[in-house]
Structures are given as C-alpha cells and as structure tokens.
Amino acid sequence: MGLDANAVDLQRAFTFQYEDERVRVWGDLFYGFVEWSVNIASDMRLQEEEVQAVEWMTMQEMEERSIATRGCDWLPDGLLGARLFVQYATDLAEGRGTVGNINNYVLRE
C-alpha cells in the first residue's frame, strides 16, 4: 500500500477461524503502531487488483456500515478479525492479558 512495513514492529496477536456456508478460513492477526500521520490520497499506493478503497473509520462506524449494507462492503473474516482485535486490545488495556486460546481466539459474549 505504499507504506514502509519494515519501519513498523509488527506483533502477532492471535489466530482465528471464520466459517460460513461458503468458506472456512484461518487467519493470523498482526498489529503495529506508527508515529506518523498517513494521508490516504497522497501517501498510499493501492494495488488496484487487490484493494478497491481505503477509508479510516472507527469500529462502531464499521459495524453500522456492515449492518446498513448487509455485510456487502466487508469480507466477513476481516470484520470478525477487527471485532476480535478490539476485544484483544481491550483485554490488554484493562490488564486482563489475553483471555482465551491465543491459537484459536474467539469472541466472548
């Protein structure tokens, strides 16, 4: 996407599974923090055959948009990964560590 991923210290968070009537996939979620601002229009080079668009939004905005579009704007495993990451980050921020099997991380009710 035109950003120097080597400049970011990526950390593995967890492995998760997504399954529906069409697909079964496993994914590993990695995260990293950057200390620079990114202008989508000028700083990112999108690979047209793989990325249609990039937008900044909160998790709440993602959830609302997913409901409004009946999930059509999202790869369902990506949306699950985002939900899991919010849970994971909240657990860490609140001092709980990671709750659950890090090699098959699931949403808690």
N, C-alpha and C. Protein backbone atom coordinates (compact mmCIF):
# COMPACT_ATOMS: atom_id res chain seq x y z
N MET A 1 0.82 -1.19 0.00
CA MET A 1 0.00 0.00 0.00
C MET A 1 0.85 1.25 0.00
N GLY A 2 2.13 1.07 -0.20
CA GLY A 2 2.98 2.24 -0.29
C GLY A 2 3.56 2.69 1.03
N LEU A 3 3.26 2.01 2.11
CA LEU A 3 3.83 2.35 3.41
C LEU A 3 4.97 1.40 3.70
N ASP A 4 5.99 1.86 4.40
CA ASP A 4 7.15 1.04 4.70
C ASP A 4 6.83 0.14 5.90
N ALA A 5 6.39 -1.08 5.61
CA ALA A 5 6.04 -2.01 6.68
C ALA A 5 7.26 -2.40 7.49
N ASN A 6 8.44 -2.30 6.92
CA ASN A 6 9.66 -2.64 7.65
C ASN A 6 9.93 -1.65 8.78
N ALA A 7 9.34 -0.47 8.70
CA ALA A 7 9.53 0.54 9.73
C ALA A 7 8.60 0.31 10.93
N VAL A 8 7.73 -0.67 10.82
CA VAL A 8 6.76 -0.96 11.87
C VAL A 8 7.11 -2.29 12.51
N ASP A 9 7.18 -2.32 13.83
CA ASP A 9 7.45 -3.55 14.56
C ASP A 9 6.13 -4.31 14.71
N LEU A 10 5.87 -5.25 13.80
CA LEU A 10 4.61 -5.99 13.83
C LEU A 10 4.63 -7.05 14.92
N GLN A 11 3.52 -7.16 15.63
CA GLN A 11 3.36 -8.14 16.69
C GLN A 11 2.22 -9.08 16.33
N ARG A 12 2.41 -10.37 16.54
CA ARG A 12 1.33 -11.33 16.31
C ARG A 12 0.39 -11.26 17.51
N ALA A 13 -0.90 -11.07 17.24
CA ALA A 13 -1.88 -11.02 18.31
C ALA A 13 -2.48 -12.41 18.55
N PHE A 14 -3.05 -13.01 17.50
CA PHE A 14 -3.74 -14.28 17.68
C PHE A 14 -4.07 -14.90 16.32
N THR A 15 -4.51 -16.14 16.38
CA THR A 15 -5.04 -16.88 15.23
C THR A 15 -6.54 -17.01 15.44
N PHE A 16 -7.31 -16.87 14.36
CA PHE A 16 -8.76 -17.03 14.48
C PHE A 16 -9.31 -17.78 13.28
N GLN A 17 -10.48 -18.34 13.47
CA GLN A 17 -11.16 -19.08 12.41
C GLN A 17 -12.46 -18.39 12.06
N TYR A 18 -12.76 -18.35 10.77
CA TYR A 18 -14.06 -17.87 10.30
C TYR A 18 -14.64 -18.96 9.41
N GLU A 19 -15.93 -19.22 9.59
CA GLU A 19 -16.60 -20.21 8.75
C GLU A 19 -18.05 -19.80 8.54
N ASP A 20 -18.50 -19.91 7.31
CA ASP A 20 -19.92 -19.75 6.99
C ASP A 20 -20.27 -20.79 5.93
N GLU A 21 -21.43 -20.64 5.30
CA GLU A 21 -21.87 -21.65 4.33
C GLU A 21 -21.03 -21.67 3.05
N ARG A 22 -20.20 -20.64 2.85
CA ARG A 22 -19.41 -20.56 1.62
C ARG A 22 -17.93 -20.83 1.81
N VAL A 23 -17.41 -20.58 3.01
CA VAL A 23 -15.95 -20.60 3.19
C VAL A 23 -15.57 -20.98 4.61
N ARG A 24 -14.40 -21.56 4.74
CA ARG A 24 -13.79 -21.81 6.05
C ARG A 24 -12.34 -21.36 5.94
N VAL A 25 -11.94 -20.38 6.75
CA VAL A 25 -10.58 -19.86 6.70
C VAL A 25 -10.02 -19.68 8.10
N TRP A 26 -8.69 -19.74 8.19
CA TRP A 26 -7.96 -19.41 9.39
C TRP A 26 -7.16 -18.16 9.09
N GLY A 27 -7.04 -17.27 10.05
CA GLY A 27 -6.25 -16.06 9.85
C GLY A 27 -5.39 -15.78 11.06
N ASP A 28 -4.26 -15.16 10.82
CA ASP A 28 -3.42 -14.64 11.89
C ASP A 28 -3.54 -13.13 11.86
N LEU A 29 -3.76 -12.52 13.01
CA LEU A 29 -3.88 -11.08 13.08
C LEU A 29 -2.60 -10.51 13.69
N PHE A 30 -2.00 -9.57 12.96
CA PHE A 30 -0.81 -8.86 13.40
C PHE A 30 -1.17 -7.38 13.55
N TYR A 31 -0.47 -6.69 14.42
CA TYR A 31 -0.70 -5.26 14.58
C TYR A 31 0.63 -4.56 14.81
N GLY A 32 0.63 -3.28 14.55
CA GLY A 32 1.81 -2.46 14.80
C GLY A 32 1.36 -1.02 14.99
N PHE A 33 2.19 -0.25 15.62
CA PHE A 33 1.88 1.15 15.86
C PHE A 33 2.83 2.03 15.06
N VAL A 34 2.31 3.09 14.53
CA VAL A 34 3.13 4.05 13.79
C VAL A 34 3.02 5.42 14.45
N GLU A 35 4.06 6.19 14.30
CA GLU A 35 4.08 7.52 14.91
C GLU A 35 4.10 8.61 13.85
N TRP A 36 3.53 8.36 12.72
CA TRP A 36 3.45 9.36 11.68
C TRP A 36 2.03 9.39 11.14
N SER A 37 1.66 10.52 10.59
CA SER A 37 0.33 10.61 10.00
C SER A 37 0.38 10.09 8.58
N VAL A 38 -0.73 9.56 8.13
CA VAL A 38 -0.82 8.99 6.78
C VAL A 38 -1.96 9.69 6.06
N ASN A 39 -1.65 10.24 4.91
CA ASN A 39 -2.66 10.83 4.05
C ASN A 39 -3.02 9.79 2.99
N ILE A 40 -4.25 9.30 3.03
CA ILE A 40 -4.66 8.23 2.12
C ILE A 40 -4.45 8.64 0.67
N ALA A 41 -4.78 9.87 0.33
CA ALA A 41 -4.72 10.32 -1.06
C ALA A 41 -3.29 10.41 -1.58
N SER A 42 -2.36 10.89 -0.75
CA SER A 42 -1.02 11.14 -1.28
C SER A 42 0.04 10.14 -0.82
N ASP A 43 -0.15 9.48 0.32
CA ASP A 43 0.89 8.61 0.86
C ASP A 43 0.73 7.14 0.51
N MET A 44 -0.44 6.72 0.09
CA MET A 44 -0.67 5.30 -0.15
C MET A 44 -0.78 5.01 -1.64
N ARG A 45 -0.13 3.93 -2.04
CA ARG A 45 -0.24 3.44 -3.42
C ARG A 45 -1.01 2.13 -3.36
N LEU A 46 -2.25 2.15 -3.77
CA LEU A 46 -3.10 0.96 -3.71
C LEU A 46 -2.83 0.05 -4.89
N GLN A 47 -2.81 -1.25 -4.62
CA GLN A 47 -2.67 -2.23 -5.68
C GLN A 47 -4.08 -2.49 -6.21
N GLU A 48 -4.38 -1.92 -7.38
CA GLU A 48 -5.75 -1.87 -7.90
C GLU A 48 -6.41 -3.24 -7.99
N GLU A 49 -5.67 -4.28 -8.31
CA GLU A 49 -6.30 -5.59 -8.43
C GLU A 49 -6.61 -6.23 -7.08
N GLU A 50 -6.15 -5.63 -5.98
CA GLU A 50 -6.41 -6.20 -4.67
C GLU A 50 -7.14 -5.27 -3.71
N VAL A 51 -7.03 -3.96 -3.91
CA VAL A 51 -7.62 -3.00 -2.97
C VAL A 51 -8.50 -2.03 -3.74
N GLN A 52 -9.77 -2.03 -3.40
CA GLN A 52 -10.71 -1.14 -4.07
C GLN A 52 -10.65 0.27 -3.48
N ALA A 53 -10.54 0.35 -2.15
CA ALA A 53 -10.54 1.66 -1.49
C ALA A 53 -9.98 1.51 -0.08
N VAL A 54 -9.57 2.62 0.48
CA VAL A 54 -9.11 2.67 1.87
C VAL A 54 -9.84 3.82 2.54
N GLU A 55 -10.37 3.57 3.73
CA GLU A 55 -11.07 4.60 4.50
C GLU A 55 -10.71 4.43 5.96
N TRP A 56 -10.56 5.53 6.68
CA TRP A 56 -10.38 5.49 8.13
C TRP A 56 -11.76 5.52 8.77
N MET A 57 -12.01 4.63 9.72
CA MET A 57 -13.27 4.66 10.46
C MET A 57 -13.11 3.92 11.77
N THR A 58 -13.99 4.22 12.69
CA THR A 58 -13.99 3.54 13.98
C THR A 58 -14.65 2.18 13.84
N MET A 59 -14.47 1.36 14.87
CA MET A 59 -15.13 0.05 14.87
C MET A 59 -16.65 0.23 14.84
N GLN A 60 -17.15 1.23 15.57
CA GLN A 60 -18.59 1.48 15.58
C GLN A 60 -19.07 1.83 14.16
N GLU A 61 -18.31 2.67 13.46
CA GLU A 61 -18.68 3.02 12.08
C GLU A 61 -18.65 1.79 11.18
N MET A 62 -17.67 0.89 11.40
CA MET A 62 -17.62 -0.35 10.61
C MET A 62 -18.85 -1.20 10.86
N GLU A 63 -19.22 -1.34 12.14
CA GLU A 63 -20.40 -2.15 12.50
C GLU A 63 -21.66 -1.56 11.88
N GLU A 64 -21.83 -0.24 11.99
CA GLU A 64 -23.01 0.41 11.44
C GLU A 64 -23.09 0.24 9.92
N ARG A 65 -21.95 0.39 9.27
CA ARG A 65 -21.93 0.25 7.81
C ARG A 65 -22.18 -1.19 7.40
N SER A 66 -21.67 -2.12 8.16
CA SER A 66 -21.90 -3.53 7.86
C SER A 66 -23.38 -3.87 7.94
N ILE A 67 -24.05 -3.33 8.96
CA ILE A 67 -25.49 -3.55 9.11
C ILE A 67 -26.24 -2.88 7.96
N ALA A 68 -25.87 -1.64 7.65
CA ALA A 68 -26.57 -0.88 6.60
C ALA A 68 -26.42 -1.54 5.23
N THR A 69 -25.28 -2.16 4.97
CA THR A 69 -25.05 -2.77 3.65
C THR A 69 -25.25 -4.28 3.68
N ARG A 70 -25.76 -4.78 4.80
CA ARG A 70 -25.95 -6.22 4.99
C ARG A 70 -24.67 -7.01 4.76
N GLY A 71 -23.57 -6.41 5.16
CA GLY A 71 -22.27 -7.07 5.09
C GLY A 71 -21.61 -7.04 3.73
N CYS A 72 -22.25 -6.43 2.74
CA CYS A 72 -21.73 -6.47 1.37
C CYS A 72 -20.44 -5.69 1.19
N ASP A 73 -20.13 -4.74 2.06
CA ASP A 73 -18.90 -3.95 1.92
C ASP A 73 -17.69 -4.62 2.56
N TRP A 74 -17.87 -5.76 3.20
CA TRP A 74 -16.80 -6.35 4.00
C TRP A 74 -16.58 -7.80 3.65
N LEU A 75 -15.32 -8.23 3.75
CA LEU A 75 -15.05 -9.66 3.78
C LEU A 75 -15.39 -10.08 5.20
N PRO A 76 -16.24 -11.07 5.37
CA PRO A 76 -16.71 -11.40 6.72
C PRO A 76 -15.60 -11.80 7.68
N ASP A 77 -14.55 -12.46 7.18
CA ASP A 77 -13.46 -12.81 8.07
C ASP A 77 -12.68 -11.58 8.52
N GLY A 78 -12.61 -10.56 7.68
CA GLY A 78 -11.94 -9.31 8.06
C GLY A 78 -12.71 -8.57 9.13
N LEU A 79 -14.04 -8.55 9.02
CA LEU A 79 -14.86 -7.90 10.04
C LEU A 79 -14.73 -8.64 11.37
N LEU A 80 -14.73 -9.97 11.32
CA LEU A 80 -14.54 -10.75 12.55
C LEU A 80 -13.17 -10.45 13.14
N GLY A 81 -12.14 -10.39 12.31
CA GLY A 81 -10.80 -10.08 12.80
C GLY A 81 -10.76 -8.73 13.49
N ALA A 82 -11.45 -7.74 12.94
CA ALA A 82 -11.50 -6.41 13.56
C ALA A 82 -12.21 -6.47 14.91
N ARG A 83 -13.32 -7.18 14.97
CA ARG A 83 -14.05 -7.32 16.25
C ARG A 83 -13.17 -8.01 17.30
N LEU A 84 -12.49 -9.06 16.88
CA LEU A 84 -11.60 -9.78 17.80
C LEU A 84 -10.46 -8.89 18.28
N PHE A 85 -9.93 -8.06 17.38
CA PHE A 85 -8.82 -7.20 17.79
C PHE A 85 -9.27 -6.17 18.82
N VAL A 86 -10.47 -5.62 18.67
CA VAL A 86 -10.99 -4.69 19.67
C VAL A 86 -11.10 -5.39 21.02
N GLN A 87 -11.59 -6.62 21.04
CA GLN A 87 -11.69 -7.40 22.28
C GLN A 87 -10.30 -7.63 22.87
N TYR A 88 -9.36 -8.04 22.02
CA TYR A 88 -7.99 -8.32 22.43
C TYR A 88 -7.32 -7.07 23.02
N ALA A 89 -7.43 -5.95 22.32
CA ALA A 89 -6.81 -4.70 22.78
C ALA A 89 -7.44 -4.22 24.09
N THR A 90 -8.75 -4.40 24.23
CA THR A 90 -9.44 -4.02 25.46
C THR A 90 -8.95 -4.88 26.63
N ASP A 91 -8.82 -6.19 26.39
CA ASP A 91 -8.30 -7.08 27.43
C ASP A 91 -6.92 -6.63 27.90
N LEU A 92 -6.05 -6.30 26.96
CA LEU A 92 -4.70 -5.87 27.33
C LEU A 92 -4.72 -4.54 28.07
N ALA A 93 -5.52 -3.60 27.58
CA ALA A 93 -5.58 -2.26 28.19
C ALA A 93 -6.13 -2.32 29.61
N GLU A 94 -7.03 -3.27 29.86
CA GLU A 94 -7.64 -3.38 31.18
C GLU A 94 -6.88 -4.35 32.09
N GLY A 95 -5.69 -4.78 31.64
CA GLY A 95 -4.83 -5.60 32.47
C GLY A 95 -5.25 -7.05 32.60
N ARG A 96 -6.14 -7.50 31.73
CA ARG A 96 -6.59 -8.90 31.80
C ARG A 96 -5.68 -9.84 31.04
N GLY A 97 -4.74 -9.31 30.28
CA GLY A 97 -3.98 -10.17 29.39
C GLY A 97 -4.91 -10.67 28.31
N THR A 98 -4.52 -11.69 27.62
CA THR A 98 -5.43 -12.24 26.61
C THR A 98 -6.24 -13.33 27.27
N VAL A 99 -7.52 -13.28 27.05
CA VAL A 99 -8.43 -14.24 27.65
C VAL A 99 -8.86 -15.22 26.56
N GLY A 100 -8.47 -16.45 26.69
CA GLY A 100 -8.84 -17.45 25.70
C GLY A 100 -7.61 -18.04 25.03
N ASN A 101 -7.84 -18.99 24.17
CA ASN A 101 -6.79 -19.69 23.45
C ASN A 101 -6.26 -18.79 22.34
N ILE A 102 -5.04 -18.33 22.47
CA ILE A 102 -4.46 -17.40 21.51
C ILE A 102 -4.30 -18.04 20.13
N ASN A 103 -4.31 -19.36 20.05
CA ASN A 103 -4.18 -20.04 18.77
C ASN A 103 -5.53 -20.39 18.15
N ASN A 104 -6.60 -20.05 18.81
CA ASN A 104 -7.95 -20.16 18.26
C ASN A 104 -8.82 -19.17 19.01
N TYR A 105 -8.55 -17.88 18.80
CA TYR A 105 -9.19 -16.81 19.55
C TYR A 105 -10.62 -16.61 19.05
N VAL A 106 -11.56 -16.48 19.98
CA VAL A 106 -12.97 -16.35 19.62
C VAL A 106 -13.60 -15.18 20.38
N LEU A 107 -14.70 -14.66 19.82
CA LEU A 107 -15.44 -13.61 20.50
C LEU A 107 -16.13 -14.19 21.73
N ARG A 108 -16.10 -13.43 22.82
CA ARG A 108 -16.83 -13.82 24.00
C ARG A 108 -18.16 -13.07 24.00
N GLU A 109 -19.12 -13.63 24.58
CA GLU A 109 -20.44 -12.99 24.69
C GLU A 109 -20.43 -11.93 25.74
